[in-house]
Amino acid sequence: MDHCVIWLEVAGALWNLSFDDERHPEAIAAAGGVEALVSLAQYCSNGSRVLKENAAGALWGLAISEENSIAIGQCGGVAPLIALVHSAAQSVHETATGALWNLDFNSV
């Protein structure tokens, strides 16, 4: 199986889990999820639409938490999300915008 397909599935699962239970975003972050997803968002700029959408979506879910929002910013997650906002694919644009909105909401 291609590693991009694996990352696509992992990011999609983390996105689902992050919205499934209020404890999941913290557990995902504690397991190194913030760093991994920020790296994926940086890496996937040339990836498929679904990979980009899943990476941004998982960060969106993690950014519900103020602590995770800070970690996403400290890991350099803002720049790749801004790049994904400029995607021609509306679903990627909307998902990255949601992640940035959560980051901004938690910075107030």
PDB file of N, CA and C in Angstrom:
ATOM      1  N   MET A   1       0.846  -1.183   0.000  1.00  0.00           N
ATOM      2  CA  MET A   1       0.000   0.000   0.000  1.00  0.00           C
ATOM      3  C   MET A   1       0.889   1.243   0.000  1.00  0.00           C
ATOM      4  N   ASP A   2       0.579   2.196  -0.818  1.00  0.00           N
ATOM      5  CA  ASP A   2       1.297   3.455  -0.936  1.00  0.00           C
ATOM      6  C   ASP A   2       1.230   4.228   0.382  1.00  0.00           C
ATOM      7  N   HIS A   3       2.362   4.827   0.794  1.00  0.00           N
ATOM      8  CA  HIS A   3       2.380   5.553   2.067  1.00  0.00           C
ATOM      9  C   HIS A   3       1.428   6.749   2.066  1.00  0.00           C
ATOM     10  N   CYS A   4       1.174   7.350   0.920  1.00  0.00           N
ATOM     11  CA  CYS A   4       0.220   8.470   0.847  1.00  0.00           C
ATOM     12  C   CYS A   4      -1.200   7.998   1.154  1.00  0.00           C
ATOM     13  N   VAL A   5      -1.521   6.800   0.703  1.00  0.00           N
ATOM     14  CA  VAL A   5      -2.849   6.243   0.992  1.00  0.00           C
ATOM     15  C   VAL A   5      -2.979   5.966   2.480  1.00  0.00           C
ATOM     16  N   ILE A   6      -1.916   5.469   3.083  1.00  0.00           N
ATOM     17  CA  ILE A   6      -1.938   5.207   4.526  1.00  0.00           C
ATOM     18  C   ILE A   6      -2.133   6.510   5.290  1.00  0.00           C
ATOM     19  N   TRP A   7      -1.378   7.549   4.924  1.00  0.00           N
ATOM     20  CA  TRP A   7      -1.521   8.841   5.602  1.00  0.00           C
ATOM     21  C   TRP A   7      -2.914   9.421   5.404  1.00  0.00           C
ATOM     22  N   LEU A   8      -3.473   9.239   4.225  1.00  0.00           N
ATOM     23  CA  LEU A   8      -4.823   9.709   3.942  1.00  0.00           C
ATOM     24  C   LEU A   8      -5.806   9.050   4.915  1.00  0.00           C
ATOM     25  N   GLU A   9      -5.684   7.745   5.085  1.00  0.00           N
ATOM     26  CA  GLU A   9      -6.582   7.013   5.981  1.00  0.00           C
ATOM     27  C   GLU A   9      -6.352   7.396   7.439  1.00  0.00           C
ATOM     28  N   VAL A  10      -5.096   7.535   7.839  1.00  0.00           N
ATOM     29  CA  VAL A  10      -4.781   7.913   9.223  1.00  0.00           C
ATOM     30  C   VAL A  10      -5.334   9.298   9.529  1.00  0.00           C
ATOM     31  N   ALA A  11      -5.093  10.247   8.652  1.00  0.00           N
ATOM     32  CA  ALA A  11      -5.586  11.608   8.880  1.00  0.00           C
ATOM     33  C   ALA A  11      -7.106  11.633   8.934  1.00  0.00           C
ATOM     34  N   GLY A  12      -7.751  10.866   8.065  1.00  0.00           N
ATOM     35  CA  GLY A  12      -9.211  10.793   8.086  1.00  0.00           C
ATOM     36  C   GLY A  12      -9.730  10.207   9.386  1.00  0.00           C
ATOM     37  N   ALA A  13      -9.075   9.169   9.869  1.00  0.00           N
ATOM     38  CA  ALA A  13      -9.486   8.559  11.140  1.00  0.00           C
ATOM     39  C   ALA A  13      -9.286   9.528  12.301  1.00  0.00           C
ATOM     40  N   LEU A  14      -8.161  10.236  12.306  1.00  0.00           N
ATOM     41  CA  LEU A  14      -7.913  11.203  13.383  1.00  0.00           C
ATOM     42  C   LEU A  14      -8.907  12.359  13.323  1.00  0.00           C
ATOM     43  N   TRP A  15      -9.274  12.763  12.110  1.00  0.00           N
ATOM     44  CA  TRP A  15     -10.290  13.808  11.970  1.00  0.00           C
ATOM     45  C   TRP A  15     -11.603  13.339  12.601  1.00  0.00           C
ATOM     46  N   ASN A  16     -12.026  12.138  12.272  1.00  0.00           N
ATOM     47  CA  ASN A  16     -13.262  11.595  12.847  1.00  0.00           C
ATOM     48  C   ASN A  16     -13.172  11.478  14.364  1.00  0.00           C
ATOM     49  N   LEU A  17     -12.069  10.950  14.851  1.00  0.00           N
ATOM     50  CA  LEU A  17     -11.906  10.782  16.293  1.00  0.00           C
ATOM     51  C   LEU A  17     -11.884  12.115  17.034  1.00  0.00           C
ATOM     52  N   SER A  18     -11.299  13.128  16.405  1.00  0.00           N
ATOM     53  CA  SER A  18     -11.171  14.421  17.088  1.00  0.00           C
ATOM     54  C   SER A  18     -12.515  15.077  17.359  1.00  0.00           C
ATOM     55  N   PHE A  19     -13.528  14.747  16.565  1.00  0.00           N
ATOM     56  CA  PHE A  19     -14.859  15.313  16.772  1.00  0.00           C
ATOM     57  C   PHE A  19     -15.807  14.342  17.472  1.00  0.00           C
ATOM     58  N   ASP A  20     -15.347  13.109  17.685  1.00  0.00           N
ATOM     59  CA  ASP A  20     -16.206  12.055  18.222  1.00  0.00           C
ATOM     60  C   ASP A  20     -16.419  12.153  19.729  1.00  0.00           C
ATOM     61  N   ASP A  21     -15.420  12.600  20.462  1.00  0.00           N
ATOM     62  CA  ASP A  21     -15.459  12.627  21.923  1.00  0.00           C
ATOM     63  C   ASP A  21     -14.559  13.769  22.377  1.00  0.00           C
ATOM     64  N   GLU A  22     -15.000  14.522  23.347  1.00  0.00           N
ATOM     65  CA  GLU A  22     -14.231  15.696  23.781  1.00  0.00           C
ATOM     66  C   GLU A  22     -12.866  15.340  24.364  1.00  0.00           C
ATOM     67  N   ARG A  23     -12.652  14.093  24.749  1.00  0.00           N
ATOM     68  CA  ARG A  23     -11.347  13.666  25.281  1.00  0.00           C
ATOM     69  C   ARG A  23     -10.370  13.286  24.180  1.00  0.00           C
ATOM     70  N   HIS A  24     -10.861  12.996  23.007  1.00  0.00           N
ATOM     71  CA  HIS A  24      -9.998  12.503  21.932  1.00  0.00           C
ATOM     72  C   HIS A  24      -8.952  13.513  21.459  1.00  0.00           C
ATOM     73  N   PRO A  25      -9.285  14.800  21.288  1.00  0.00           N
ATOM     74  CA  PRO A  25      -8.239  15.717  20.825  1.00  0.00           C
ATOM     75  C   PRO A  25      -7.016  15.756  21.745  1.00  0.00           C
ATOM     76  N   GLU A  26      -7.248  15.723  23.047  1.00  0.00           N
ATOM     77  CA  GLU A  26      -6.118  15.741  23.986  1.00  0.00           C
ATOM     78  C   GLU A  26      -5.328  14.434  23.908  1.00  0.00           C
ATOM     79  N   ALA A  27      -6.029  13.318  23.770  1.00  0.00           N
ATOM     80  CA  ALA A  27      -5.348  12.021  23.671  1.00  0.00           C
ATOM     81  C   ALA A  27      -4.526  11.936  22.387  1.00  0.00           C
ATOM     82  N   ILE A  28      -5.076  12.441  21.291  1.00  0.00           N
ATOM     83  CA  ILE A  28      -4.354  12.445  20.015  1.00  0.00           C
ATOM     84  C   ILE A  28      -3.103  13.309  20.131  1.00  0.00           C
ATOM     85  N   ALA A  29      -3.242  14.469  20.755  1.00  0.00           N
ATOM     86  CA  ALA A  29      -2.094  15.363  20.930  1.00  0.00           C
ATOM     87  C   ALA A  29      -1.033  14.724  21.819  1.00  0.00           C
ATOM     88  N   ALA A  30      -1.461  14.074  22.901  1.00  0.00           N
ATOM     89  CA  ALA A  30      -0.518  13.433  23.819  1.00  0.00           C
ATOM     90  C   ALA A  30       0.273  12.325  23.132  1.00  0.00           C
ATOM     91  N   ALA A  31      -0.298  11.737  22.111  1.00  0.00           N
ATOM     92  CA  ALA A  31       0.370  10.658  21.366  1.00  0.00           C
ATOM     93  C   ALA A  31       1.247  11.189  20.229  1.00  0.00           C
ATOM     94  N   GLY A  32       1.425  12.511  20.143  1.00  0.00           N
ATOM     95  CA  GLY A  32       2.261  13.094  19.097  1.00  0.00           C
ATOM     96  C   GLY A  32       1.503  13.482  17.842  1.00  0.00           C
ATOM     97  N   GLY A  33       0.176  13.517  17.942  1.00  0.00           N
ATOM     98  CA  GLY A  33      -0.646  13.802  16.776  1.00  0.00           C
ATOM     99  C   GLY A  33      -0.497  15.191  16.203  1.00  0.00           C
ATOM    100  N   VAL A  34      -0.280  16.182  17.057  1.00  0.00           N
ATOM    101  CA  VAL A  34      -0.145  17.559  16.552  1.00  0.00           C
ATOM    102  C   VAL A  34       1.059  17.648  15.629  1.00  0.00           C
ATOM    103  N   GLU A  35       2.199  17.192  16.105  1.00  0.00           N
ATOM    104  CA  GLU A  35       3.431  17.267  15.312  1.00  0.00           C
ATOM    105  C   GLU A  35       3.289  16.480  14.011  1.00  0.00           C
ATOM    106  N   ALA A  36       2.716  15.286  14.109  1.00  0.00           N
ATOM    107  CA  ALA A  36       2.567  14.450  12.913  1.00  0.00           C
ATOM    108  C   ALA A  36       1.636  15.095  11.894  1.00  0.00           C
ATOM    109  N   LEU A  37       0.532  15.663  12.360  1.00  0.00           N
ATOM    110  CA  LEU A  37      -0.428  16.265  11.425  1.00  0.00           C
ATOM    111  C   LEU A  37       0.084  17.574  10.833  1.00  0.00           C
ATOM    112  N   VAL A  38       0.826  18.351  11.609  1.00  0.00           N
ATOM    113  CA  VAL A  38       1.436  19.566  11.051  1.00  0.00           C
ATOM    114  C   VAL A  38       2.449  19.169   9.975  1.00  0.00           C
ATOM    115  N   SER A  39       3.249  18.153  10.249  1.00  0.00           N
ATOM    116  CA  SER A  39       4.195  17.670   9.239  1.00  0.00           C
ATOM    117  C   SER A  39       3.472  17.196   7.992  1.00  0.00           C
ATOM    118  N   LEU A  40       2.379  16.485   8.183  1.00  0.00           N
ATOM    119  CA  LEU A  40       1.596  16.006   7.041  1.00  0.00           C
ATOM    120  C   LEU A  40       1.022  17.180   6.252  1.00  0.00           C
ATOM    121  N   ALA A  41       0.505  18.185   6.940  1.00  0.00           N
ATOM    122  CA  ALA A  41      -0.044  19.360   6.252  1.00  0.00           C
ATOM    123  C   ALA A  41       1.038  20.062   5.440  1.00  0.00           C
ATOM    124  N   GLN A  42       2.257  20.110   5.967  1.00  0.00           N
ATOM    125  CA  GLN A  42       3.365  20.712   5.227  1.00  0.00           C
ATOM    126  C   GLN A  42       3.739  19.859   4.021  1.00  0.00           C
ATOM    127  N   TYR A  43       3.758  18.555   4.218  1.00  0.00           N
ATOM    128  CA  TYR A  43       4.169  17.615   3.185  1.00  0.00           C
ATOM    129  C   TYR A  43       3.139  17.470   2.067  1.00  0.00           C
ATOM    130  N   CYS A  44       1.866  17.551   2.418  1.00  0.00           N
ATOM    131  CA  CYS A  44       0.819  17.180   1.464  1.00  0.00           C
ATOM    132  C   CYS A  44       0.450  18.280   0.483  1.00  0.00           C
ATOM    133  N   SER A  45       1.202  19.352   0.428  1.00  0.00           N
ATOM    134  CA  SER A  45       0.842  20.433  -0.488  1.00  0.00           C
ATOM    135  C   SER A  45       0.741  19.952  -1.936  1.00  0.00           C
ATOM    136  N   ASN A  46       1.455  18.887  -2.271  1.00  0.00           N
ATOM    137  CA  ASN A  46       1.367  18.313  -3.616  1.00  0.00           C
ATOM    138  C   ASN A  46       0.554  17.025  -3.644  1.00  0.00           C
ATOM    139  N   GLY A  47      -0.116  16.725  -2.539  1.00  0.00           N
ATOM    140  CA  GLY A  47      -0.882  15.492  -2.440  1.00  0.00           C
ATOM    141  C   GLY A  47      -2.280  15.628  -3.022  1.00  0.00           C
ATOM    142  N   SER A  48      -3.057  14.581  -2.844  1.00  0.00           N
ATOM    143  CA  SER A  48      -4.421  14.560  -3.357  1.00  0.00           C
ATOM    144  C   SER A  48      -5.321  15.507  -2.574  1.00  0.00           C
ATOM    145  N   ARG A  49      -6.460  15.822  -3.161  1.00  0.00           N
ATOM    146  CA  ARG A  49      -7.437  16.672  -2.498  1.00  0.00           C
ATOM    147  C   ARG A  49      -7.871  16.057  -1.172  1.00  0.00           C
ATOM    148  N   VAL A  50      -8.112  14.762  -1.161  1.00  0.00           N
ATOM    149  CA  VAL A  50      -8.595  14.095   0.049  1.00  0.00           C
ATOM    150  C   VAL A  50      -7.525  14.101   1.140  1.00  0.00           C
ATOM    151  N   LEU A  51      -6.271  13.913   0.776  1.00  0.00           N
ATOM    152  CA  LEU A  51      -5.191  13.963   1.755  1.00  0.00           C
ATOM    153  C   LEU A  51      -5.115  15.345   2.386  1.00  0.00           C
ATOM    154  N   LYS A  52      -5.185  16.390   1.562  1.00  0.00           N
ATOM    155  CA  LYS A  52      -5.148  17.759   2.080  1.00  0.00           C
ATOM    156  C   LYS A  52      -6.340  18.031   2.993  1.00  0.00           C
ATOM    157  N   GLU A  53      -7.514  17.604   2.545  1.00  0.00           N
ATOM    158  CA  GLU A  53      -8.731  17.823   3.323  1.00  0.00           C
ATOM    159  C   GLU A  53      -8.667  17.089   4.665  1.00  0.00           C
ATOM    160  N   ASN A  54      -8.199  15.848   4.657  1.00  0.00           N
ATOM    161  CA  ASN A  54      -8.113  15.075   5.893  1.00  0.00           C
ATOM    162  C   ASN A  54      -7.083  15.650   6.857  1.00  0.00           C
ATOM    163  N   ALA A  55      -5.946  16.090   6.343  1.00  0.00           N
ATOM    164  CA  ALA A  55      -4.923  16.685   7.207  1.00  0.00           C
ATOM    165  C   ALA A  55      -5.456  17.959   7.855  1.00  0.00           C
ATOM    166  N   ALA A  56      -6.077  18.827   7.055  1.00  0.00           N
ATOM    167  CA  ALA A  56      -6.649  20.070   7.603  1.00  0.00           C
ATOM    168  C   ALA A  56      -7.796  19.758   8.554  1.00  0.00           C
ATOM    169  N   GLY A  57      -8.610  18.769   8.225  1.00  0.00           N
ATOM    170  CA  GLY A  57      -9.738  18.406   9.071  1.00  0.00           C
ATOM    171  C   GLY A  57      -9.295  17.884  10.424  1.00  0.00           C
ATOM    172  N   ALA A  58      -8.253  17.061  10.433  1.00  0.00           N
ATOM    173  CA  ALA A  58      -7.742  16.545  11.701  1.00  0.00           C
ATOM    174  C   ALA A  58      -7.190  17.685  12.556  1.00  0.00           C
ATOM    175  N   LEU A  59      -6.489  18.630  11.928  1.00  0.00           N
ATOM    176  CA  LEU A  59      -5.999  19.799  12.685  1.00  0.00           C
ATOM    177  C   LEU A  59      -7.156  20.657  13.171  1.00  0.00           C
ATOM    178  N   TRP A  60      -8.197  20.766  12.378  1.00  0.00           N
ATOM    179  CA  TRP A  60      -9.401  21.494  12.781  1.00  0.00           C
ATOM    180  C   TRP A  60      -9.968  20.879  14.060  1.00  0.00           C
ATOM    181  N   GLY A  61     -10.084  19.559  14.069  1.00  0.00           N
ATOM    182  CA  GLY A  61     -10.610  18.876  15.244  1.00  0.00           C
ATOM    183  C   GLY A  61      -9.725  19.039  16.461  1.00  0.00           C
ATOM    184  N   LEU A  62      -8.423  18.958  16.274  1.00  0.00           N
ATOM    185  CA  LEU A  62      -7.514  19.125  17.410  1.00  0.00           C
ATOM    186  C   LEU A  62      -7.522  20.551  17.933  1.00  0.00           C
ATOM    187  N   ALA A  63      -7.739  21.512  17.042  1.00  0.00           N
ATOM    188  CA  ALA A  63      -7.706  22.930  17.426  1.00  0.00           C
ATOM    189  C   ALA A  63      -8.906  23.353  18.257  1.00  0.00           C
ATOM    190  N   ILE A  64      -9.819  22.432  18.517  1.00  0.00           N
ATOM    191  CA  ILE A  64     -10.938  22.738  19.418  1.00  0.00           C
ATOM    192  C   ILE A  64     -10.401  23.069  20.802  1.00  0.00           C
ATOM    193  N   SER A  65      -9.303  22.443  21.158  1.00  0.00           N
ATOM    194  CA  SER A  65      -8.679  22.643  22.461  1.00  0.00           C
ATOM    195  C   SER A  65      -7.700  23.817  22.414  1.00  0.00           C
ATOM    196  N   GLU A  66      -7.751  24.672  23.418  1.00  0.00           N
ATOM    197  CA  GLU A  66      -6.823  25.804  23.483  1.00  0.00           C
ATOM    198  C   GLU A  66      -5.382  25.318  23.552  1.00  0.00           C
ATOM    199  N   GLU A  67      -5.132  24.297  24.341  1.00  0.00           N
ATOM    200  CA  GLU A  67      -3.782  23.750  24.469  1.00  0.00           C
ATOM    201  C   GLU A  67      -3.270  23.227  23.126  1.00  0.00           C
ATOM    202  N   ASN A  68      -4.132  22.540  22.399  1.00  0.00           N
ATOM    203  CA  ASN A  68      -3.735  22.029  21.088  1.00  0.00           C
ATOM    204  C   ASN A  68      -3.544  23.162  20.087  1.00  0.00           C
ATOM    205  N   SER A  69      -4.364  24.201  20.177  1.00  0.00           N
ATOM    206  CA  SER A  69      -4.201  25.356  19.286  1.00  0.00           C
ATOM    207  C   SER A  69      -2.824  25.975  19.460  1.00  0.00           C
ATOM    208  N   ILE A  70      -2.412  26.108  20.697  1.00  0.00           N
ATOM    209  CA  ILE A  70      -1.085  26.661  20.981  1.00  0.00           C
ATOM    210  C   ILE A  70      -0.011  25.748  20.402  1.00  0.00           C
ATOM    211  N   ALA A  71      -0.174  24.441  20.614  1.00  0.00           N
ATOM    212  CA  ALA A  71       0.808  23.475  20.100  1.00  0.00           C
ATOM    213  C   ALA A  71       0.878  23.507  18.575  1.00  0.00           C
ATOM    214  N   ILE A  72      -0.272  23.627  17.918  1.00  0.00           N
ATOM    215  CA  ILE A  72      -0.296  23.698  16.446  1.00  0.00           C
ATOM    216  C   ILE A  72       0.478  24.925  15.976  1.00  0.00           C
ATOM    217  N   GLY A  73       0.265  26.056  16.633  1.00  0.00           N
ATOM    218  CA  GLY A  73       1.004  27.265  16.286  1.00  0.00           C
ATOM    219  C   GLY A  73       2.493  27.116  16.534  1.00  0.00           C
ATOM    220  N   GLN A  74       2.861  26.518  17.661  1.00  0.00           N
ATOM    221  CA  GLN A  74       4.270  26.351  18.001  1.00  0.00           C
ATOM    222  C   GLN A  74       4.979  25.369  17.073  1.00  0.00           C
ATOM    223  N   CYS A  75       4.240  24.435  16.512  1.00  0.00           N
ATOM    224  CA  CYS A  75       4.818  23.452  15.583  1.00  0.00           C
ATOM    225  C   CYS A  75       4.880  23.971  14.149  1.00  0.00           C
ATOM    226  N   GLY A  76       4.430  25.190  13.924  1.00  0.00           N
ATOM    227  CA  GLY A  76       4.462  25.753  12.574  1.00  0.00           C
ATOM    228  C   GLY A  76       3.261  25.383  11.737  1.00  0.00           C
ATOM    229  N   GLY A  77       2.126  25.108  12.380  1.00  0.00           N
ATOM    230  CA  GLY A  77       0.948  24.661  11.654  1.00  0.00           C
ATOM    231  C   GLY A  77       0.146  25.731  10.942  1.00  0.00           C
ATOM    232  N   VAL A  78       0.387  26.991  11.265  1.00  0.00           N
ATOM    233  CA  VAL A  78      -0.411  28.059  10.647  1.00  0.00           C
ATOM    234  C   VAL A  78      -0.079  28.203   9.161  1.00  0.00           C
ATOM    235  N   ALA A  79       1.190  28.222   8.819  1.00  0.00           N
ATOM    236  CA  ALA A  79       1.593  28.427   7.418  1.00  0.00           C
ATOM    237  C   ALA A  79       1.038  27.354   6.476  1.00  0.00           C
ATOM    238  N   PRO A  80       1.132  26.051   6.809  1.00  0.00           N
ATOM    239  CA  PRO A  80       0.560  25.083   5.877  1.00  0.00           C
ATOM    240  C   PRO A  80      -0.960  25.179   5.790  1.00  0.00           C
ATOM    241  N   LEU A  81      -1.622  25.565   6.873  1.00  0.00           N
ATOM    242  CA  LEU A  81      -3.076  25.744   6.799  1.00  0.00           C
ATOM    243  C   LEU A  81      -3.431  26.920   5.900  1.00  0.00           C
ATOM    244  N   ILE A  82      -2.673  27.994   5.982  1.00  0.00           N
ATOM    245  CA  ILE A  82      -2.912  29.137   5.095  1.00  0.00           C
ATOM    246  C   ILE A  82      -2.696  28.714   3.642  1.00  0.00           C
ATOM    247  N   ALA A  83      -1.667  27.917   3.396  1.00  0.00           N
ATOM    248  CA  ALA A  83      -1.435  27.419   2.028  1.00  0.00           C
ATOM    249  C   ALA A  83      -2.619  26.577   1.554  1.00  0.00           C
ATOM    250  N   LEU A  84      -3.175  25.755   2.444  1.00  0.00           N
ATOM    251  CA  LEU A  84      -4.315  24.921   2.073  1.00  0.00           C
ATOM    252  C   LEU A  84      -5.579  25.746   1.845  1.00  0.00           C
ATOM    253  N   VAL A  85      -5.697  26.894   2.506  1.00  0.00           N
ATOM    254  CA  VAL A  85      -6.843  27.786   2.272  1.00  0.00           C
ATOM    255  C   VAL A  85      -6.874  28.237   0.816  1.00  0.00           C
ATOM    256  N   HIS A  86      -5.714  28.342   0.209  1.00  0.00           N
ATOM    257  CA  HIS A  86      -5.617  28.800  -1.178  1.00  0.00           C
ATOM    258  C   HIS A  86      -5.866  27.674  -2.190  1.00  0.00           C
ATOM    259  N   SER A  87      -6.232  26.507  -1.707  1.00  0.00           N
ATOM    260  CA  SER A  87      -6.502  25.373  -2.596  1.00  0.00           C
ATOM    261  C   SER A  87      -7.658  25.687  -3.536  1.00  0.00           C
ATOM    262  N   ALA A  88      -7.555  25.183  -4.740  1.00  0.00           N
ATOM    263  CA  ALA A  88      -8.648  25.335  -5.704  1.00  0.00           C
ATOM    264  C   ALA A  88      -9.837  24.454  -5.341  1.00  0.00           C
ATOM    265  N   ALA A  89      -9.598  23.420  -4.540  1.00  0.00           N
ATOM    266  CA  ALA A  89     -10.674  22.522  -4.115  1.00  0.00           C
ATOM    267  C   ALA A  89     -11.434  23.160  -2.953  1.00  0.00           C
ATOM    268  N   GLN A  90     -12.707  23.392  -3.150  1.00  0.00           N
ATOM    269  CA  GLN A  90     -13.508  24.068  -2.132  1.00  0.00           C
ATOM    270  C   GLN A  90     -13.507  23.329  -0.797  1.00  0.00           C
ATOM    271  N   SER A  91     -13.547  22.001  -0.830  1.00  0.00           N
ATOM    272  CA  SER A  91     -13.583  21.235   0.418  1.00  0.00           C
ATOM    273  C   SER A  91     -12.296  21.424   1.223  1.00  0.00           C
ATOM    274  N   VAL A  92     -11.161  21.511   0.554  1.00  0.00           N
ATOM    275  CA  VAL A  92      -9.883  21.752   1.233  1.00  0.00           C
ATOM    276  C   VAL A  92      -9.868  23.167   1.784  1.00  0.00           C
ATOM    277  N   HIS A  93     -10.299  24.115   0.977  1.00  0.00           N
ATOM    278  CA  HIS A  93     -10.362  25.515   1.391  1.00  0.00           C
ATOM    279  C   HIS A  93     -11.210  25.660   2.655  1.00  0.00           C
ATOM    280  N   GLU A  94     -12.389  25.053   2.657  1.00  0.00           N
ATOM    281  CA  GLU A  94     -13.305  25.181   3.788  1.00  0.00           C
ATOM    282  C   GLU A  94     -12.765  24.494   5.041  1.00  0.00           C
ATOM    283  N   THR A  95     -12.145  23.355   4.872  1.00  0.00           N
ATOM    284  CA  THR A  95     -11.623  22.616   6.017  1.00  0.00           C
ATOM    285  C   THR A  95     -10.444  23.357   6.645  1.00  0.00           C
ATOM    286  N   ALA A  96      -9.543  23.854   5.828  1.00  0.00           N
ATOM    287  CA  ALA A  96      -8.407  24.623   6.348  1.00  0.00           C
ATOM    288  C   ALA A  96      -8.887  25.912   7.011  1.00  0.00           C
ATOM    289  N   THR A  97      -9.910  26.532   6.447  1.00  0.00           N
ATOM    290  CA  THR A  97     -10.479  27.739   7.048  1.00  0.00           C
ATOM    291  C   THR A  97     -11.063  27.424   8.420  1.00  0.00           C
ATOM    292  N   GLY A  98     -11.730  26.287   8.547  1.00  0.00           N
ATOM    293  CA  GLY A  98     -12.266  25.872   9.844  1.00  0.00           C
ATOM    294  C   GLY A  98     -11.175  25.689  10.882  1.00  0.00           C
ATOM    295  N   ALA A  99     -10.075  25.086  10.465  1.00  0.00           N
ATOM    296  CA  ALA A  99      -8.950  24.891  11.383  1.00  0.00           C
ATOM    297  C   ALA A  99      -8.385  26.238  11.827  1.00  0.00           C
ATOM    298  N   LEU A 100      -8.206  27.148  10.884  1.00  0.00           N
ATOM    299  CA  LEU A 100      -7.695  28.477  11.242  1.00  0.00           C
ATOM    300  C   LEU A 100      -8.673  29.231  12.130  1.00  0.00           C
ATOM    301  N   TRP A 101      -9.968  29.061  11.883  1.00  0.00           N
ATOM    302  CA  TRP A 101     -10.974  29.705  12.722  1.00  0.00           C
ATOM    303  C   TRP A 101     -10.846  29.217  14.153  1.00  0.00           C
ATOM    304  N   ASN A 102     -10.708  27.899  14.345  1.00  0.00           N
ATOM    305  CA  ASN A 102     -10.547  27.368  15.697  1.00  0.00           C
ATOM    306  C   ASN A 102      -9.260  27.887  16.347  1.00  0.00           C
ATOM    307  N   LEU A 103      -8.189  27.970  15.573  1.00  0.00           N
ATOM    308  CA  LEU A 103      -6.954  28.512  16.120  1.00  0.00           C
ATOM    309  C   LEU A 103      -7.142  29.946  16.582  1.00  0.00           C
ATOM    310  N   ASP A 104      -7.824  30.746  15.765  1.00  0.00           N
ATOM    311  CA  ASP A 104      -8.081  32.139  16.111  1.00  0.00           C
ATOM    312  C   ASP A 104      -9.011  32.245  17.300  1.00  0.00           C
ATOM    313  N   PHE A 105     -10.066  31.453  17.323  1.00  0.00           N
ATOM    314  CA  PHE A 105     -11.045  31.485  18.417  1.00  0.00           C
ATOM    315  C   PHE A 105     -10.359  31.212  19.745  1.00  0.00           C
ATOM    316  N   ASN A 106      -9.434  30.269  19.756  1.00  0.00           N
ATOM    317  CA  ASN A 106      -8.754  29.909  21.000  1.00  0.00           C
ATOM    318  C   ASN A 106      -7.645  30.869  21.376  1.00  0.00           C
ATOM    319  N   SER A 107      -7.302  31.801  20.491  1.00  0.00           N
ATOM    320  CA  SER A 107      -6.257  32.768  20.813  1.00  0.00           C
ATOM    321  C   SER A 107      -6.803  33.998  21.523  1.00  0.00           C
ATOM    322  N   VAL A 108      -8.122  34.110  21.576  1.00  0.00           N
ATOM    323  CA  VAL A 108      -8.759  35.288  22.184  1.00  0.00           C
ATOM    324  C   VAL A 108      -8.797  35.137  23.680  1.00  0.00           C
TER     325      VAL A 108
END
